[in-house]
């Protein structure tokens, strides 16, 4: 988000909840498949991830991490898919 005023961010959150329409708004920069995204600010701002405080930063680099395999049990009454092989 290029502009982080409270009213603007609130509109983006609502758009995200309504099916990713926030990606079409002016001031939203996204890069599907990007290997790296860099966020910079004029002054250091508090950063947290998963509730953990990570300090104050004026530059953050997001990079691709390890791939995760997510297993989900089948819904009740639905047969599981056959094993891959």
Protein backbone atom coordinates (compact mmCIF):
# COMPACT_ATOMS: atom_id res chain seq x y z
CA UNK A 1 0.00 0.00 0.00
CA UNK A 2 1.56 3.24 -1.06
CA UNK A 3 -0.54 5.39 1.30
CA UNK A 4 -1.25 4.17 4.85
CA UNK A 5 -3.84 6.62 6.14
CA UNK A 6 -6.45 4.91 8.34
CA UNK A 7 -9.41 5.57 6.02
CA UNK A 8 -7.52 4.25 2.99
CA UNK A 9 -6.35 1.09 4.78
CA UNK A 10 -9.90 0.44 6.06
CA UNK A 11 -11.18 0.51 2.46
CA UNK A 12 -8.46 -1.92 1.39
CA UNK A 13 -9.35 -4.34 4.20
CA UNK A 14 -13.01 -4.30 3.16
CA UNK A 15 -12.03 -4.89 -0.47
CA UNK A 16 -9.81 -7.81 0.53
CA UNK A 17 -12.67 -9.37 2.48
CA UNK A 18 -14.95 -9.06 -0.55
CA UNK A 19 -12.87 -11.11 -2.96
CA UNK A 20 -9.52 -9.42 -3.59
CA UNK A 21 -11.00 -6.31 -5.21
CA UNK A 22 -8.45 -4.32 -3.20
CA UNK A 23 -5.81 -5.31 -5.77
CA UNK A 24 -7.52 -3.11 -8.37
CA UNK A 25 -7.41 0.06 -6.25
CA UNK A 26 -4.99 2.89 -6.88
CA UNK A 27 -2.05 2.87 -4.50
CA UNK A 28 -1.96 -0.91 -4.13
CA UNK A 29 1.19 -2.46 -5.45
CA UNK A 30 1.31 -6.23 -5.77
CA UNK A 31 3.38 -8.75 -7.58
CA UNK A 32 2.04 -12.25 -7.94
CA UNK A 33 4.99 -14.55 -8.34
CA UNK A 34 7.50 -11.89 -7.34
CA UNK A 35 10.63 -13.28 -5.71
CA UNK A 36 11.15 -10.17 -3.60
CA UNK A 37 9.05 -7.24 -2.40
CA UNK A 38 10.70 -4.27 -0.68
CA UNK A 39 8.72 -1.89 1.56
CA UNK A 40 10.29 1.40 2.60
CA UNK A 41 9.10 4.26 4.77
CA UNK A 42 10.17 7.76 5.68
CA UNK A 43 10.71 6.82 9.33
CA UNK A 44 11.13 3.55 11.24
CA UNK A 45 7.79 1.93 12.08
CA UNK A 46 7.03 -0.97 14.46
CA UNK A 47 6.95 -4.36 12.73
CA UNK A 48 5.37 -7.55 14.00
CA UNK A 49 4.73 -11.01 12.58
CA UNK A 50 2.46 -13.59 14.17
CA UNK A 51 2.16 -11.35 17.22
CA UNK A 52 5.91 -11.16 17.76
CA UNK A 53 7.48 -7.69 17.89
CA UNK A 54 10.36 -7.43 15.42
CA UNK A 55 11.51 -3.89 16.21
CA UNK A 56 11.23 -0.64 14.26
CA UNK A 57 12.30 -0.60 10.62
CA UNK A 58 12.24 1.83 7.71
CA UNK A 59 13.05 -0.86 5.13
CA UNK A 60 11.68 -4.41 4.98
CA UNK A 61 12.50 -7.04 2.37
CA UNK A 62 10.01 -9.88 1.86
CA UNK A 63 11.45 -12.85 0.01
CA UNK A 64 10.21 -16.27 -1.00
CA UNK A 65 10.51 -18.78 1.81
CA UNK A 66 10.44 -22.55 1.95
CA UNK A 67 7.43 -24.27 0.43
CA UNK A 68 4.98 -25.88 2.81
CA UNK A 69 2.85 -28.97 2.32
CA UNK A 70 -0.52 -28.45 3.99
CA UNK A 71 -2.55 -31.55 4.80
CA UNK A 72 -6.24 -31.23 5.47
CA UNK A 73 -8.51 -34.08 6.50
CA UNK A 74 -11.42 -34.73 4.12
CA UNK A 75 -14.81 -33.27 4.96
CA UNK A 76 -17.20 -35.62 6.79
CA UNK A 77 -18.88 -37.97 4.31
CA UNK A 78 -16.31 -37.35 1.56
CA UNK A 79 -13.91 -40.11 0.59
CA UNK A 80 -10.22 -39.11 0.69
CA UNK A 81 -8.40 -38.90 -2.63
CA UNK A 82 -6.26 -41.86 -3.65
CA UNK A 83 -2.57 -41.62 -2.68
CA UNK A 84 -0.29 -40.00 -5.22
CA UNK A 85 2.16 -42.32 -6.73
